[in-house]
C-alpha atoms as a PDB file:
ATOM      1  CA  MET A   1     122.090  84.360 101.642  1.00  0.00           C
ATOM      2  CA  GLY A   2     119.294  86.298 103.300  1.00  0.00           C
ATOM      3  CA  SER A   3     117.756  87.083 106.630  1.00  0.00           C
ATOM      4  CA  GLY A   4     114.619  85.869 108.276  1.00  0.00           C
ATOM      5  CA  VAL A   5     111.892  87.350 110.419  1.00  0.00           C
ATOM      6  CA  GLY A   6     109.307  85.764 112.632  1.00  0.00           C
ATOM      7  CA  ILE A   7     105.794  86.975 113.328  1.00  0.00           C
ATOM      8  CA  VAL A   8     103.440  85.748 116.022  1.00  0.00           C
ATOM      9  CA  LEU A   9      99.790  86.767 115.968  1.00  0.00           C
ATOM     10  CA  GLU A  10      97.857  85.949 119.129  1.00  0.00           C
ATOM     11  CA  SER A  11      94.081  86.029 119.478  1.00  0.00           C
ATOM     12  CA  PRO A  12      92.346  87.370 122.593  1.00  0.00           C
ATOM     13  CA  GLN A  13      91.719  83.713 123.473  1.00  0.00           C
ATOM     14  CA  GLY A  14      95.462  82.982 123.405  1.00  0.00           C
ATOM     15  CA  GLU A  15      95.530  81.114 120.092  1.00  0.00           C
ATOM     16  CA  LYS A  16      98.821  81.731 118.297  1.00  0.00           C
ATOM     17  CA  PHE A  17      99.585  81.914 114.604  1.00  0.00           C
ATOM     18  CA  GLU A  18     103.320  81.844 113.883  1.00  0.00           C
ATOM     19  CA  HIS A  19     104.703  82.877 110.533  1.00  0.00           C
ATOM     20  CA  ALA A  20     108.314  82.910 109.303  1.00  0.00           C
ATOM     21  CA  ILE A  21     109.534  84.929 106.352  1.00  0.00           C
ATOM     22  CA  LYS A  22     112.809  84.370 104.554  1.00  0.00           C
ATOM     23  CA  LEU A  23     114.211  87.562 103.090  1.00  0.00           C
ATOM     24  CA  GLU A  24     116.085  86.860  99.872  1.00  0.00           C
ATOM     25  CA  TYR A  25     118.627  89.605 100.515  1.00  0.00           C
ATOM     26  CA  PRO A  26     120.994  90.648 103.299  1.00  0.00           C
ATOM     27  CA  SER A  27     119.168  92.759 105.839  1.00  0.00           C
ATOM     28  CA  SER A  28     119.969  94.718 108.975  1.00  0.00           C
ATOM     29  CA  ASN A  29     117.922  94.121 112.109  1.00  0.00           C
ATOM     30  CA  ASN A  30     115.992  97.363 111.541  1.00  0.00           C
ATOM     31  CA  LYS A  31     115.123  96.462 107.941  1.00  0.00           C
ATOM     32  CA  ALA A  32     113.998  92.991 109.027  1.00  0.00           C
ATOM     33  CA  GLU A  33     111.870  94.561 111.796  1.00  0.00           C
ATOM     34  CA  TYR A  34     110.160  96.818 109.216  1.00  0.00           C
ATOM     35  CA  GLU A  35     109.527  93.834 106.930  1.00  0.00           C
ATOM     36  CA  ALA A  36     107.960  91.955 109.840  1.00  0.00           C
ATOM     37  CA  LEU A  37     105.853  94.976 110.817  1.00  0.00           C
ATOM     38  CA  LEU A  38     104.464  95.410 107.303  1.00  0.00           C
ATOM     39  CA  VAL A  39     103.517  91.734 106.990  1.00  0.00           C
ATOM     40  CA  ASP A  40     102.178  91.676 110.555  1.00  0.00           C
ATOM     41  CA  GLU A  41      99.829  94.586 109.867  1.00  0.00           C
ATOM     42  CA  GLU A  42      98.543  93.003 106.671  1.00  0.00           C
ATOM     43  CA  LEU A  43      97.946  89.648 108.388  1.00  0.00           C
ATOM     44  CA  ALA A  44      96.253  91.309 111.369  1.00  0.00           C
ATOM     45  CA  LEU A  45      94.003  93.312 109.071  1.00  0.00           C
ATOM     46  CA  ALA A  46      93.070  90.177 107.109  1.00  0.00           C
ATOM     47  CA  ALA A  47      92.292  88.383 110.379  1.00  0.00           C
ATOM     48  CA  GLY A  48      89.998  91.210 111.507  1.00  0.00           C
ATOM     49  CA  ALA A  49      92.164  92.407 114.399  1.00  0.00           C
ATOM     50  CA  LYS A  50      90.794  95.247 116.500  1.00  0.00           C
ATOM     51  CA  ARG A  51      93.972  95.861 118.498  1.00  0.00           C
ATOM     52  CA  ILE A  52      97.620  95.306 117.628  1.00  0.00           C
ATOM     53  CA  THR A  53     100.473  95.253 120.109  1.00  0.00           C
ATOM     54  CA  ILE A  54     103.823  95.551 118.367  1.00  0.00           C
ATOM     55  CA  TYR A  55     106.767  94.053 120.278  1.00  0.00           C
ATOM     56  CA  SER A  56     110.111  95.020 118.817  1.00  0.00           C
ATOM     57  CA  ASP A  57     113.727  95.030 119.931  1.00  0.00           C
ATOM     58  CA  SER A  58     114.363  97.938 117.546  1.00  0.00           C
ATOM     59  CA  GLN A  59     114.144 101.230 119.394  1.00  0.00           C
ATOM     60  CA  LEU A  60     114.616 102.959 116.025  1.00  0.00           C
ATOM     61  CA  LEU A  61     111.573 101.238 114.503  1.00  0.00           C
ATOM     62  CA  VAL A  62     109.316 101.865 117.498  1.00  0.00           C
ATOM     63  CA  ASN A  63     110.274 105.533 117.700  1.00  0.00           C
ATOM     64  CA  GLN A  64     109.825 105.997 113.942  1.00  0.00           C
ATOM     65  CA  ILE A  65     106.346 104.474 113.893  1.00  0.00           C
ATOM     66  CA  GLN A  66     105.349 106.509 116.941  1.00  0.00           C
ATOM     67  CA  GLY A  67     106.616 109.666 115.232  1.00  0.00           C
ATOM     68  CA  SER A  68     109.362 110.437 117.763  1.00  0.00           C
ATOM     69  CA  TYR A  69     112.138 109.872 115.213  1.00  0.00           C
ATOM     70  CA  GLU A  70     112.302 110.776 111.545  1.00  0.00           C
ATOM     71  CA  ALA A  71     113.688 108.243 109.110  1.00  0.00           C
ATOM     72  CA  GLN A  72     117.131 109.590 108.178  1.00  0.00           C
ATOM     73  CA  TRP A  73     118.492 106.752 106.043  1.00  0.00           C
ATOM     74  CA  GLU A  74     117.042 106.356 102.567  1.00  0.00           C
ATOM     75  CA  LYS A  75     116.021 102.707 103.053  1.00  0.00           C
ATOM     76  CA  MET A  76     114.357 103.423 106.405  1.00  0.00           C
ATOM     77  CA  ALA A  77     112.543 106.377 104.812  1.00  0.00           C
ATOM     78  CA  LYS A  78     111.240 104.036 102.076  1.00  0.00           C
ATOM     79  CA  TYR A  79     109.941 101.566 104.678  1.00  0.00           C
ATOM     80  CA  SER A  80     108.360 104.396 106.643  1.00  0.00           C
ATOM     81  CA  LEU A  81     106.651 105.730 103.499  1.00  0.00           C
ATOM     82  CA  LYS A  82     105.452 102.241 102.501  1.00  0.00           C
ATOM     83  CA  ARG A  83     103.873 101.785 105.933  1.00  0.00           C
ATOM     84  CA  LYS A  84     102.342 105.271 105.887  1.00  0.00           C
ATOM     85  CA  THR A  85     100.844 104.586 102.441  1.00  0.00           C
ATOM     86  CA  PHE A  86      99.441 101.251 103.670  1.00  0.00           C
ATOM     87  CA  LEU A  87      97.745 102.957 106.627  1.00  0.00           C
ATOM     88  CA  GLU A  88      96.420 105.824 104.491  1.00  0.00           C
ATOM     89  CA  ASN A  89      94.812 103.330 102.099  1.00  0.00           C
ATOM     90  CA  LEU A  90      92.801 101.767 104.910  1.00  0.00           C
ATOM     91  CA  LYS A  91      89.312 102.948 105.671  1.00  0.00           C
ATOM     92  CA  ARG A  92      89.165 105.705 108.273  1.00  0.00           C
ATOM     93  CA  PRO A  93      89.186 105.394 111.196  1.00  0.00           C
ATOM     94  CA  LEU A  94      91.879 102.727 111.397  1.00  0.00           C
ATOM     95  CA  PRO A  95      90.316  99.311 111.908  1.00  0.00           C
ATOM     96  CA  PHE A  96      92.644  98.602 114.848  1.00  0.00           C
ATOM     97  CA  LYS A  97      94.331 100.336 117.770  1.00  0.00           C
ATOM     98  CA  TYR A  98      98.082 100.197 118.310  1.00  0.00           C
ATOM     99  CA  GLN A  99     100.280  99.676 121.327  1.00  0.00           C
ATOM    100  CA  TYR A 100     104.077  99.548 121.008  1.00  0.00           C
ATOM    101  CA  GLN A 101     106.554  97.917 123.359  1.00  0.00           C
ATOM    102  CA  ILE A 102     110.322  97.779 123.097  1.00  0.00           C
ATOM    103  CA  MET A 103     111.706  94.470 124.312  1.00  0.00           C
ATOM    104  CA  SER A 104     115.195  93.175 124.827  1.00  0.00           C
ATOM    105  CA  ARG A 105     116.707  90.845 122.230  1.00  0.00           C
ATOM    106  CA  PRO A 106     116.923  87.821 124.561  1.00  0.00           C
ATOM    107  CA  THR A 107     113.130  88.092 125.065  1.00  0.00           C
ATOM    108  CA  ASN A 108     112.513  88.464 121.337  1.00  0.00           C
END
């Protein structure tokens, strides 16, 4: 049994692309949020996005990617490093700008 994550990419014109991912392993909410973030960034890059707004109900994730929190748990540190490596491998400057928003779970 695994977990699932959902990703919604929305164009400036309001067109939506929804993508669901089934994780083949048990996952906490924070791990699932990181999985979604990594796939979301790759999809946005492939689509030529210039701006990404990340909506997450995980305060931990948002604060880690903004640099306010350090990843203390080994698995979270691995996700953080994977994301950092992904961003470092992109051409400089980053091809998109970020905005982060924490949202409540009922909205998510």
